N, C-alpha and C. Protein backbone atom coordinates (compact mmCIF):
# COMPACT_ATOMS: atom_id res chain seq x y z
N MET A 1 -27.34 31.91 -1.36
CA MET A 1 -28.42 30.96 -1.62
C MET A 1 -28.96 30.42 -0.30
N THR A 2 -30.27 30.38 -0.15
CA THR A 2 -30.92 29.85 1.05
C THR A 2 -31.46 28.46 0.76
N LEU A 3 -31.06 27.51 1.57
CA LEU A 3 -31.55 26.15 1.37
C LEU A 3 -33.02 26.07 1.75
N PRO A 4 -33.80 25.23 1.09
CA PRO A 4 -35.22 25.09 1.46
C PRO A 4 -35.37 24.42 2.82
N VAL A 5 -36.41 24.79 3.53
CA VAL A 5 -36.72 24.17 4.82
C VAL A 5 -37.76 23.10 4.60
N ARG A 6 -37.49 21.88 5.11
CA ARG A 6 -38.38 20.74 4.89
C ARG A 6 -38.79 20.13 6.23
N TYR A 7 -39.95 19.43 6.24
CA TYR A 7 -40.37 18.67 7.42
C TYR A 7 -39.37 17.57 7.73
N SER A 8 -38.84 16.95 6.71
CA SER A 8 -37.86 15.87 6.83
C SER A 8 -36.94 15.97 5.63
N PRO A 9 -35.81 15.25 5.65
CA PRO A 9 -34.87 15.35 4.52
C PRO A 9 -35.50 15.12 3.16
N SER A 10 -36.51 14.25 3.09
CA SER A 10 -37.15 13.98 1.80
C SER A 10 -38.57 14.56 1.73
N GLY A 11 -38.95 15.36 2.75
CA GLY A 11 -40.30 15.90 2.80
C GLY A 11 -40.51 17.10 1.91
N ALA A 12 -41.75 17.57 1.89
CA ALA A 12 -42.10 18.72 1.07
C ALA A 12 -41.44 19.99 1.61
N VAL A 13 -41.13 20.90 0.72
CA VAL A 13 -40.54 22.17 1.11
C VAL A 13 -41.60 23.05 1.77
N LEU A 14 -41.26 23.64 2.90
CA LEU A 14 -42.18 24.55 3.59
C LEU A 14 -42.13 25.92 2.93
N VAL A 15 -43.29 26.50 2.72
CA VAL A 15 -43.37 27.84 2.14
C VAL A 15 -44.34 28.68 2.97
N ASN A 16 -44.24 29.99 2.83
CA ASN A 16 -45.19 30.89 3.47
C ASN A 16 -46.51 30.84 2.71
N ALA A 17 -47.54 31.45 3.28
CA ALA A 17 -48.87 31.43 2.68
C ALA A 17 -48.87 32.03 1.28
N ASN A 18 -47.97 32.98 1.02
CA ASN A 18 -47.92 33.62 -0.31
C ASN A 18 -47.10 32.82 -1.32
N GLY A 19 -46.63 31.65 -0.89
CA GLY A 19 -45.85 30.79 -1.79
C GLY A 19 -44.37 31.08 -1.79
N GLY A 20 -43.95 32.12 -1.07
CA GLY A 20 -42.53 32.46 -1.01
C GLY A 20 -41.78 31.56 -0.06
N PRO A 21 -40.46 31.75 0.03
CA PRO A 21 -39.64 30.93 0.93
C PRO A 21 -40.11 31.02 2.38
N PHE A 22 -40.00 29.93 3.08
CA PHE A 22 -40.44 29.89 4.48
C PHE A 22 -39.64 30.88 5.32
N THR A 23 -40.35 31.75 6.02
CA THR A 23 -39.74 32.71 6.93
C THR A 23 -40.42 32.59 8.28
N PRO A 24 -39.70 32.16 9.30
CA PRO A 24 -40.33 32.00 10.62
C PRO A 24 -40.73 33.35 11.19
N GLY A 25 -41.85 33.37 11.90
CA GLY A 25 -42.34 34.60 12.50
C GLY A 25 -41.86 34.77 13.93
N THR A 26 -42.23 35.87 14.54
CA THR A 26 -41.86 36.16 15.92
C THR A 26 -42.37 35.05 16.83
N GLY A 27 -41.50 34.55 17.66
CA GLY A 27 -41.87 33.49 18.60
C GLY A 27 -41.53 32.10 18.12
N ALA A 28 -41.11 31.95 16.85
CA ALA A 28 -40.70 30.62 16.37
C ALA A 28 -39.43 30.19 17.11
N ARG A 29 -39.44 28.98 17.63
CA ARG A 29 -38.34 28.51 18.46
C ARG A 29 -37.11 28.17 17.63
N LEU A 30 -35.97 28.63 18.11
CA LEU A 30 -34.68 28.24 17.53
C LEU A 30 -34.03 27.13 18.34
N ARG A 31 -33.96 27.34 19.66
CA ARG A 31 -33.32 26.36 20.55
C ARG A 31 -34.12 26.23 21.84
N LEU A 32 -33.97 25.09 22.49
CA LEU A 32 -34.66 24.82 23.74
C LEU A 32 -33.70 24.13 24.70
N ALA A 33 -33.63 24.64 25.93
CA ALA A 33 -32.90 23.97 27.01
C ALA A 33 -33.92 23.55 28.05
N GLU A 34 -33.87 22.29 28.48
CA GLU A 34 -34.84 21.75 29.45
C GLU A 34 -34.12 21.11 30.62
N ARG A 35 -34.75 21.15 31.78
CA ARG A 35 -34.27 20.41 32.95
C ARG A 35 -35.47 19.76 33.60
N ASN A 36 -35.37 18.48 33.90
CA ASN A 36 -36.39 17.75 34.65
C ASN A 36 -35.73 17.17 35.89
N ASN A 37 -36.28 17.45 37.04
CA ASN A 37 -35.74 16.92 38.29
C ASN A 37 -36.87 16.40 39.15
N THR A 38 -36.50 15.58 40.11
CA THR A 38 -37.45 15.09 41.09
C THR A 38 -36.99 15.53 42.47
N MET A 39 -37.84 16.25 43.19
CA MET A 39 -37.50 16.63 44.55
C MET A 39 -37.63 15.42 45.46
N THR A 40 -36.72 15.32 46.40
CA THR A 40 -36.77 14.21 47.35
C THR A 40 -37.41 14.68 48.64
N GLY A 41 -38.05 13.77 49.35
CA GLY A 41 -38.66 14.10 50.63
C GLY A 41 -39.92 14.92 50.49
N THR A 42 -40.30 15.57 51.60
CA THR A 42 -41.49 16.42 51.63
C THR A 42 -41.12 17.73 52.31
N LEU A 43 -40.15 18.43 51.75
CA LEU A 43 -39.66 19.66 52.35
C LEU A 43 -40.66 20.80 52.20
N ALA A 44 -40.74 21.66 53.20
CA ALA A 44 -41.69 22.77 53.20
C ALA A 44 -41.15 23.95 52.41
N VAL A 45 -42.06 24.66 51.75
CA VAL A 45 -41.70 25.90 51.06
C VAL A 45 -41.25 26.91 52.12
N PRO A 46 -40.08 27.53 51.95
CA PRO A 46 -39.56 28.44 52.98
C PRO A 46 -40.30 29.77 53.03
N GLY A 47 -40.22 30.44 54.20
CA GLY A 47 -40.86 31.74 54.38
C GLY A 47 -40.08 32.87 53.72
N THR A 48 -38.83 32.64 53.42
CA THR A 48 -38.00 33.60 52.68
C THR A 48 -37.69 32.99 51.33
N ALA A 49 -37.86 33.75 50.26
CA ALA A 49 -37.65 33.21 48.91
C ALA A 49 -36.29 32.55 48.80
N ASP A 50 -36.28 31.28 48.34
CA ASP A 50 -35.03 30.55 48.20
C ASP A 50 -35.04 29.79 46.88
N PHE A 51 -33.84 29.49 46.39
CA PHE A 51 -33.70 28.79 45.12
C PHE A 51 -34.32 27.40 45.19
N ILE A 52 -34.88 26.95 44.09
CA ILE A 52 -35.41 25.60 43.97
C ILE A 52 -34.26 24.67 43.60
N SER A 53 -34.12 23.61 44.36
CA SER A 53 -33.04 22.65 44.13
C SER A 53 -33.63 21.25 44.06
N ALA A 54 -32.82 20.31 43.61
CA ALA A 54 -33.29 18.93 43.51
C ALA A 54 -33.66 18.37 44.87
N GLY A 55 -33.01 18.87 45.93
CA GLY A 55 -33.30 18.42 47.28
C GLY A 55 -34.40 19.22 47.94
N GLY A 56 -34.96 20.19 47.25
CA GLY A 56 -36.02 21.02 47.81
C GLY A 56 -35.77 22.47 47.55
N PHE A 57 -35.03 23.12 48.46
CA PHE A 57 -34.77 24.54 48.34
C PHE A 57 -33.37 24.83 48.83
N GLY A 58 -32.76 25.89 48.32
CA GLY A 58 -31.41 26.25 48.72
C GLY A 58 -30.39 25.84 47.65
N GLN A 59 -29.23 25.45 48.10
CA GLN A 59 -28.14 25.09 47.19
C GLN A 59 -27.94 23.57 47.17
N PRO A 60 -27.43 22.99 46.10
CA PRO A 60 -27.16 23.64 44.82
C PRO A 60 -28.46 23.86 44.04
N LYS A 61 -28.64 25.06 43.54
CA LYS A 61 -29.87 25.42 42.81
C LYS A 61 -29.89 24.74 41.44
N ILE A 62 -31.09 24.46 40.96
CA ILE A 62 -31.25 23.93 39.60
C ILE A 62 -31.08 25.09 38.63
N GLN A 63 -30.18 24.93 37.65
CA GLN A 63 -29.95 25.97 36.65
C GLN A 63 -30.16 25.40 35.25
N THR A 64 -30.83 26.16 34.42
CA THR A 64 -31.00 25.83 33.01
C THR A 64 -30.23 26.87 32.22
N VAL A 65 -29.47 26.44 31.21
CA VAL A 65 -28.54 27.35 30.54
C VAL A 65 -28.67 27.26 29.02
N LEU A 66 -28.65 28.42 28.36
CA LEU A 66 -28.49 28.51 26.90
C LEU A 66 -27.22 29.31 26.64
N ASN A 67 -26.31 28.73 25.84
CA ASN A 67 -25.07 29.44 25.58
C ASN A 67 -25.16 30.33 24.35
N LEU A 68 -24.28 31.32 24.30
CA LEU A 68 -24.16 32.27 23.20
C LEU A 68 -25.50 32.89 22.79
N PRO A 69 -26.21 33.54 23.72
CA PRO A 69 -27.45 34.22 23.37
C PRO A 69 -27.17 35.46 22.53
N LYS A 70 -28.19 35.98 21.87
CA LYS A 70 -28.07 37.16 21.01
C LYS A 70 -29.02 38.25 21.51
N ALA A 71 -28.55 39.50 21.47
CA ALA A 71 -29.36 40.62 21.95
C ALA A 71 -30.63 40.80 21.13
N GLY A 72 -30.60 40.49 19.83
CA GLY A 72 -31.74 40.71 18.96
C GLY A 72 -32.74 39.59 18.94
N LEU A 73 -32.41 38.44 19.54
CA LEU A 73 -33.37 37.34 19.61
C LEU A 73 -34.22 37.47 20.86
N ARG A 74 -35.28 36.66 20.94
CA ARG A 74 -36.19 36.72 22.08
C ARG A 74 -36.10 35.42 22.88
N TYR A 75 -36.40 35.53 24.16
CA TYR A 75 -36.30 34.39 25.06
C TYR A 75 -37.57 34.29 25.89
N ARG A 76 -38.02 33.06 26.12
CA ARG A 76 -39.15 32.83 27.01
C ARG A 76 -38.83 31.60 27.85
N ALA A 77 -39.51 31.49 28.98
CA ALA A 77 -39.19 30.40 29.91
C ALA A 77 -40.42 30.03 30.71
N LYS A 78 -40.36 28.83 31.29
CA LYS A 78 -41.42 28.43 32.21
C LYS A 78 -40.85 27.44 33.22
N MET A 79 -41.54 27.34 34.34
CA MET A 79 -41.17 26.39 35.38
C MET A 79 -42.44 25.81 35.96
N ARG A 80 -42.39 24.53 36.29
CA ARG A 80 -43.53 23.85 36.91
C ARG A 80 -43.02 23.10 38.13
N LEU A 81 -43.77 23.19 39.22
CA LEU A 81 -43.37 22.59 40.49
C LEU A 81 -44.62 22.02 41.17
N ASP A 82 -44.53 20.79 41.67
CA ASP A 82 -45.66 20.14 42.34
C ASP A 82 -45.61 20.40 43.85
N LEU A 83 -46.68 21.00 44.38
CA LEU A 83 -46.75 21.32 45.81
C LEU A 83 -48.07 20.83 46.39
N VAL A 84 -48.08 20.59 47.71
CA VAL A 84 -49.27 20.12 48.42
C VAL A 84 -49.45 20.93 49.70
N SER A 85 -50.70 21.34 49.99
CA SER A 85 -51.01 21.97 51.27
C SER A 85 -51.45 20.90 52.25
N ASN A 86 -50.88 20.93 53.46
CA ASN A 86 -51.27 19.95 54.49
C ASN A 86 -52.05 20.60 55.63
N SER A 87 -52.56 21.83 55.40
CA SER A 87 -53.31 22.54 56.44
C SER A 87 -54.81 22.30 56.27
N SER A 88 -55.48 21.97 57.38
CA SER A 88 -56.92 21.75 57.31
C SER A 88 -57.72 23.00 57.61
N ASN A 89 -57.09 24.05 58.17
CA ASN A 89 -57.87 25.22 58.57
C ASN A 89 -57.25 26.57 58.18
N VAL A 90 -56.09 26.58 57.55
CA VAL A 90 -55.45 27.84 57.17
C VAL A 90 -55.13 27.82 55.68
N SER A 91 -55.61 28.83 54.96
CA SER A 91 -55.25 28.94 53.55
C SER A 91 -53.82 29.42 53.44
N ALA A 92 -53.21 29.20 52.30
CA ALA A 92 -51.81 29.57 52.12
C ALA A 92 -51.61 30.15 50.73
N GLU A 93 -50.51 30.86 50.59
CA GLU A 93 -50.13 31.42 49.30
C GLU A 93 -48.64 31.22 49.10
N VAL A 94 -48.29 30.71 47.92
CA VAL A 94 -46.88 30.52 47.55
C VAL A 94 -46.60 31.37 46.33
N VAL A 95 -45.51 32.14 46.38
CA VAL A 95 -45.08 32.93 45.24
C VAL A 95 -43.89 32.24 44.59
N LEU A 96 -43.98 32.07 43.27
CA LEU A 96 -42.86 31.53 42.49
C LEU A 96 -42.19 32.67 41.73
N PHE A 97 -40.88 32.57 41.59
CA PHE A 97 -40.09 33.57 40.89
C PHE A 97 -39.25 32.90 39.81
N LEU A 98 -39.08 33.55 38.67
CA LEU A 98 -38.11 33.14 37.65
C LEU A 98 -37.07 34.24 37.54
N ASP A 99 -35.80 33.86 37.66
CA ASP A 99 -34.69 34.80 37.62
C ASP A 99 -33.71 34.40 36.52
N THR A 100 -33.06 35.41 35.92
CA THR A 100 -32.03 35.13 34.91
C THR A 100 -30.72 35.81 35.28
N SER A 101 -29.65 35.27 34.72
CA SER A 101 -28.31 35.83 34.91
C SER A 101 -27.56 35.75 33.59
N VAL A 102 -26.78 36.78 33.28
CA VAL A 102 -25.93 36.76 32.08
C VAL A 102 -24.46 36.96 32.44
N ASP A 103 -24.14 36.81 33.74
CA ASP A 103 -22.75 37.00 34.17
C ASP A 103 -22.15 35.71 34.74
N GLY A 104 -22.60 34.59 34.20
CA GLY A 104 -22.07 33.31 34.67
C GLY A 104 -22.75 32.79 35.91
N GLY A 105 -23.89 33.36 36.27
CA GLY A 105 -24.63 32.87 37.42
C GLY A 105 -24.23 33.51 38.73
N THR A 106 -23.54 34.66 38.67
CA THR A 106 -23.13 35.34 39.90
C THR A 106 -24.27 36.16 40.48
N VAL A 107 -24.93 36.96 39.63
CA VAL A 107 -26.03 37.81 40.07
C VAL A 107 -27.27 37.48 39.25
N PHE A 108 -28.40 37.20 39.92
CA PHE A 108 -29.65 36.88 39.24
C PHE A 108 -30.63 38.04 39.40
N THR A 109 -31.37 38.31 38.32
CA THR A 109 -32.38 39.36 38.31
C THR A 109 -33.75 38.74 38.14
N ASN A 110 -34.71 39.13 38.99
CA ASN A 110 -36.06 38.58 38.88
C ASN A 110 -36.73 39.10 37.62
N ARG A 111 -37.33 38.18 36.83
CA ARG A 111 -38.00 38.54 35.58
C ARG A 111 -39.50 38.26 35.59
N ALA A 112 -39.95 37.37 36.47
CA ALA A 112 -41.38 37.05 36.53
C ALA A 112 -41.70 36.51 37.92
N LYS A 113 -42.93 36.76 38.40
CA LYS A 113 -43.38 36.18 39.66
C LYS A 113 -44.89 36.00 39.60
N VAL A 114 -45.37 34.97 40.30
CA VAL A 114 -46.80 34.67 40.31
C VAL A 114 -47.15 34.00 41.63
N ALA A 115 -48.36 34.29 42.12
CA ALA A 115 -48.82 33.72 43.39
C ALA A 115 -49.79 32.57 43.13
N HIS A 116 -49.68 31.53 43.94
CA HIS A 116 -50.59 30.38 43.90
C HIS A 116 -51.25 30.25 45.27
N VAL A 117 -52.58 30.21 45.29
CA VAL A 117 -53.33 30.13 46.55
C VAL A 117 -53.76 28.69 46.80
N PHE A 118 -53.56 28.22 48.02
CA PHE A 118 -53.98 26.89 48.45
C PHE A 118 -55.10 27.07 49.47
N GLN A 119 -56.34 26.64 49.14
CA GLN A 119 -57.47 26.80 50.04
C GLN A 119 -57.41 25.75 51.15
N ASN A 120 -57.92 26.08 52.31
CA ASN A 120 -57.98 25.10 53.40
C ASN A 120 -59.21 24.23 53.24
N ALA A 121 -59.30 23.19 54.03
CA ALA A 121 -60.37 22.20 53.89
C ALA A 121 -61.74 22.78 54.19
N ASN A 122 -61.80 23.86 54.98
CA ASN A 122 -63.09 24.43 55.37
C ASN A 122 -63.54 25.58 54.48
N SER A 123 -62.77 25.88 53.43
CA SER A 123 -63.13 27.00 52.55
C SER A 123 -64.24 26.59 51.60
N ALA A 124 -64.89 27.60 51.01
CA ALA A 124 -66.00 27.34 50.09
C ALA A 124 -65.52 26.60 48.84
N GLY A 125 -64.26 26.77 48.50
CA GLY A 125 -63.75 26.17 47.27
C GLY A 125 -63.37 24.71 47.39
N GLY A 126 -63.40 24.18 48.61
CA GLY A 126 -63.02 22.78 48.72
C GLY A 126 -61.87 22.59 49.68
N GLY A 127 -61.20 21.48 49.57
CA GLY A 127 -60.21 21.11 50.57
C GLY A 127 -58.78 21.23 50.14
N MET A 128 -57.96 20.52 50.87
CA MET A 128 -56.53 20.53 50.64
C MET A 128 -56.21 19.73 49.38
N GLY A 129 -54.95 19.73 49.02
CA GLY A 129 -54.55 18.91 47.89
C GLY A 129 -53.36 19.49 47.17
N GLY A 130 -52.94 18.75 46.15
CA GLY A 130 -51.77 19.15 45.40
C GLY A 130 -52.11 20.07 44.25
N GLN A 131 -51.12 20.84 43.86
CA GLN A 131 -51.25 21.71 42.71
C GLN A 131 -49.97 21.65 41.90
N GLY A 132 -50.14 21.66 40.58
CA GLY A 132 -49.00 21.86 39.70
C GLY A 132 -48.86 23.35 39.51
N CYS A 133 -47.93 23.96 40.23
CA CYS A 133 -47.76 25.41 40.20
C CYS A 133 -46.84 25.79 39.04
N GLU A 134 -47.26 26.76 38.24
CA GLU A 134 -46.51 27.14 37.05
C GLU A 134 -46.24 28.64 37.03
N ILE A 135 -45.14 29.00 36.36
CA ILE A 135 -44.79 30.39 36.15
C ILE A 135 -44.17 30.52 34.78
N TYR A 136 -44.44 31.65 34.11
CA TYR A 136 -43.97 31.87 32.73
C TYR A 136 -43.24 33.21 32.62
N LEU A 137 -42.19 33.22 31.83
CA LEU A 137 -41.55 34.45 31.38
C LEU A 137 -41.92 34.60 29.91
N PRO A 138 -42.72 35.62 29.55
CA PRO A 138 -43.13 35.77 28.16
C PRO A 138 -41.95 36.18 27.28
N LEU A 139 -42.16 36.15 25.96
CA LEU A 139 -41.11 36.52 25.02
C LEU A 139 -40.47 37.85 25.42
N THR A 140 -39.17 37.82 25.63
CA THR A 140 -38.43 39.00 26.07
C THR A 140 -37.17 39.14 25.24
N GLN A 141 -36.93 40.33 24.74
CA GLN A 141 -35.74 40.60 23.93
C GLN A 141 -34.48 40.30 24.73
N GLY A 142 -33.50 39.67 24.06
CA GLY A 142 -32.23 39.37 24.72
C GLY A 142 -31.59 40.61 25.32
N LEU A 143 -31.68 41.74 24.61
CA LEU A 143 -31.13 43.00 25.09
C LEU A 143 -31.72 43.38 26.44
N ASP A 144 -33.04 43.12 26.63
CA ASP A 144 -33.70 43.45 27.89
C ASP A 144 -33.31 42.51 29.02
N LEU A 145 -32.71 41.37 28.68
CA LEU A 145 -32.21 40.44 29.70
C LEU A 145 -30.75 40.69 30.02
N GLY A 146 -30.16 41.70 29.37
CA GLY A 146 -28.77 42.02 29.63
C GLY A 146 -27.78 41.41 28.65
N VAL A 147 -28.28 40.79 27.57
CA VAL A 147 -27.38 40.20 26.58
C VAL A 147 -26.73 41.32 25.78
N ASP A 148 -25.41 41.22 25.62
CA ASP A 148 -24.63 42.24 24.92
C ASP A 148 -23.81 41.57 23.84
N ASP A 149 -24.14 41.82 22.57
CA ASP A 149 -23.43 41.18 21.46
C ASP A 149 -22.00 41.68 21.32
N SER A 150 -21.68 42.85 21.85
CA SER A 150 -20.33 43.39 21.69
C SER A 150 -19.33 42.73 22.62
N VAL A 151 -19.80 42.00 23.64
CA VAL A 151 -18.87 41.39 24.60
C VAL A 151 -18.25 40.09 24.11
N PRO A 152 -18.90 39.06 23.60
CA PRO A 152 -20.33 38.75 23.66
C PRO A 152 -20.70 38.03 24.96
N THR A 153 -22.02 37.93 25.22
CA THR A 153 -22.51 37.24 26.41
C THR A 153 -22.35 35.73 26.22
N ALA A 154 -21.78 35.07 27.21
CA ALA A 154 -21.50 33.64 27.10
C ALA A 154 -22.75 32.78 27.27
N ASP A 155 -23.58 33.10 28.27
CA ASP A 155 -24.72 32.24 28.60
C ASP A 155 -25.85 33.06 29.21
N ILE A 156 -27.07 32.51 29.09
CA ILE A 156 -28.20 32.94 29.92
C ILE A 156 -28.50 31.80 30.89
N PHE A 157 -28.51 32.11 32.18
CA PHE A 157 -28.87 31.15 33.21
C PHE A 157 -30.29 31.43 33.66
N LEU A 158 -31.08 30.38 33.89
CA LEU A 158 -32.44 30.50 34.41
C LEU A 158 -32.54 29.68 35.69
N VAL A 159 -33.08 30.30 36.75
CA VAL A 159 -33.33 29.60 38.01
C VAL A 159 -34.72 29.97 38.51
N GLY A 160 -35.23 29.17 39.45
CA GLY A 160 -36.51 29.45 40.07
C GLY A 160 -36.35 29.59 41.58
N ARG A 161 -37.26 30.37 42.17
CA ARG A 161 -37.31 30.48 43.63
C ARG A 161 -38.76 30.31 44.08
N ALA A 162 -38.93 29.98 45.35
CA ALA A 162 -40.27 29.84 45.92
C ALA A 162 -40.29 30.43 47.32
N GLN A 163 -41.47 30.96 47.72
CA GLN A 163 -41.63 31.56 49.04
C GLN A 163 -43.06 31.40 49.52
N LEU A 164 -43.22 30.97 50.76
CA LEU A 164 -44.53 30.93 51.41
C LEU A 164 -44.80 32.33 51.95
N THR A 165 -45.73 33.07 51.32
CA THR A 165 -45.98 34.46 51.73
C THR A 165 -47.18 34.59 52.66
N VAL A 166 -48.09 33.61 52.63
CA VAL A 166 -49.25 33.60 53.52
C VAL A 166 -49.44 32.18 54.02
N GLY A 167 -49.74 32.03 55.30
CA GLY A 167 -50.00 30.69 55.83
C GLY A 167 -49.03 30.33 56.94
N THR A 168 -49.27 29.18 57.54
CA THR A 168 -48.45 28.68 58.63
C THR A 168 -47.18 28.05 58.09
N ALA A 169 -46.07 28.33 58.73
CA ALA A 169 -44.80 27.73 58.32
C ALA A 169 -44.93 26.22 58.25
N GLY A 170 -44.46 25.64 57.17
CA GLY A 170 -44.52 24.20 56.99
C GLY A 170 -45.82 23.69 56.41
N SER A 171 -46.77 24.60 56.10
CA SER A 171 -48.09 24.15 55.65
C SER A 171 -48.14 23.75 54.18
N VAL A 172 -47.17 24.18 53.37
CA VAL A 172 -47.12 23.78 51.95
C VAL A 172 -45.79 23.09 51.70
N VAL A 173 -45.88 21.88 51.20
CA VAL A 173 -44.67 21.07 51.04
C VAL A 173 -44.57 20.55 49.61
N VAL A 174 -43.39 20.05 49.30
CA VAL A 174 -43.15 19.43 48.00
C VAL A 174 -43.96 18.16 47.89
N ALA A 175 -44.62 17.95 46.74
CA ALA A 175 -45.44 16.75 46.54
C ALA A 175 -44.57 15.62 46.01
N ALA A 176 -43.82 15.01 46.89
CA ALA A 176 -42.92 13.93 46.48
C ALA A 176 -43.45 12.58 46.96
N ALA A 177 -43.28 11.55 46.12
CA ALA A 177 -43.66 10.18 46.46
C ALA A 177 -45.06 10.11 47.06
N ALA A 178 -46.01 10.75 46.39
CA ALA A 178 -47.37 10.82 46.90
C ALA A 178 -48.32 9.96 46.07
N THR A 179 -49.57 9.89 46.50
CA THR A 179 -50.61 9.16 45.80
C THR A 179 -51.80 10.08 45.59
N SER A 180 -52.41 10.03 44.41
CA SER A 180 -53.60 10.82 44.13
C SER A 180 -54.60 9.92 43.41
N GLY A 181 -55.68 9.60 44.09
CA GLY A 181 -56.67 8.71 43.49
C GLY A 181 -56.03 7.36 43.19
N ALA A 182 -56.15 6.92 41.92
CA ALA A 182 -55.59 5.62 41.54
C ALA A 182 -54.14 5.73 41.09
N VAL A 183 -53.57 6.96 41.09
CA VAL A 183 -52.20 7.14 40.62
C VAL A 183 -51.26 7.16 41.81
N THR A 184 -50.25 6.27 41.77
CA THR A 184 -49.28 6.21 42.86
C THR A 184 -47.90 6.59 42.33
N GLY A 185 -47.00 6.90 43.26
CA GLY A 185 -45.63 7.20 42.88
C GLY A 185 -45.44 8.57 42.28
N LEU A 186 -46.34 9.52 42.58
CA LEU A 186 -46.12 10.89 42.12
C LEU A 186 -44.81 11.38 42.73
N ASP A 187 -44.00 12.06 41.93
CA ASP A 187 -42.60 12.23 42.33
C ASP A 187 -42.16 13.66 42.60
N GLY A 188 -43.08 14.60 42.78
CA GLY A 188 -42.65 15.95 43.04
C GLY A 188 -41.81 16.51 41.92
N SER A 189 -42.31 16.40 40.71
CA SER A 189 -41.51 16.76 39.55
C SER A 189 -41.32 18.26 39.43
N ILE A 190 -40.15 18.64 38.91
CA ILE A 190 -39.81 20.03 38.60
C ILE A 190 -39.41 20.06 37.14
N HIS A 191 -39.98 21.01 36.40
CA HIS A 191 -39.66 21.10 34.97
C HIS A 191 -39.33 22.54 34.62
N PHE A 192 -38.18 22.75 34.01
CA PHE A 192 -37.75 24.07 33.54
C PHE A 192 -37.62 24.03 32.02
N GLU A 193 -38.01 25.11 31.37
CA GLU A 193 -37.75 25.28 29.93
C GLU A 193 -37.25 26.70 29.70
N LEU A 194 -36.22 26.81 28.86
CA LEU A 194 -35.70 28.11 28.43
C LEU A 194 -35.55 28.05 26.93
N GLU A 195 -36.30 28.91 26.22
CA GLU A 195 -36.33 28.89 24.75
C GLU A 195 -35.69 30.13 24.16
N GLU A 196 -35.02 29.93 23.04
CA GLU A 196 -34.52 31.03 22.23
C GLU A 196 -35.38 31.09 20.96
N CYS A 197 -35.89 32.27 20.65
CA CYS A 197 -36.88 32.41 19.58
C CYS A 197 -36.55 33.60 18.68
N PHE A 198 -37.15 33.58 17.47
CA PHE A 198 -37.04 34.73 16.58
C PHE A 198 -37.81 35.90 17.16
């Protein structure tokens, strides 16, 4: 017997469009693991890809974890990081990476990467400033992430890395304790999400 799914304990029973029992579709979230951190200081994005940590970059890296993953389920993730360019005449590019591990965090495999361009003050697009840089890992089968139900896999670990690939060393820094317009106390926030889905 399958219990009915409700909005709340006393709410209406959810049904599919055909009136049958509610069946979640592909991408419906089962579980969510989140991490929110604040970077301290105004550390520069390194020229060699390094882990994102609460103190900036390096160790100890920020890790988001979902335990007991399943090979047949799907996983998606995202990371957001606040950065600022302080160069008035050189454009810059920062690449963000999302990596996963299924061996307890010993070896990480890159699953997604994206470049963010920071224009200089003299470019046609405008001047310097902060950006909320984001990266996404789309729905990916647990099996493709290395999850093995026969073992079983204990955890999926998610970490992020950043690298300054174009520009002057030190030209892009963490946007910590900054001011933008009338908003003060911007804190260089870092946000990770790792979802388990149907």
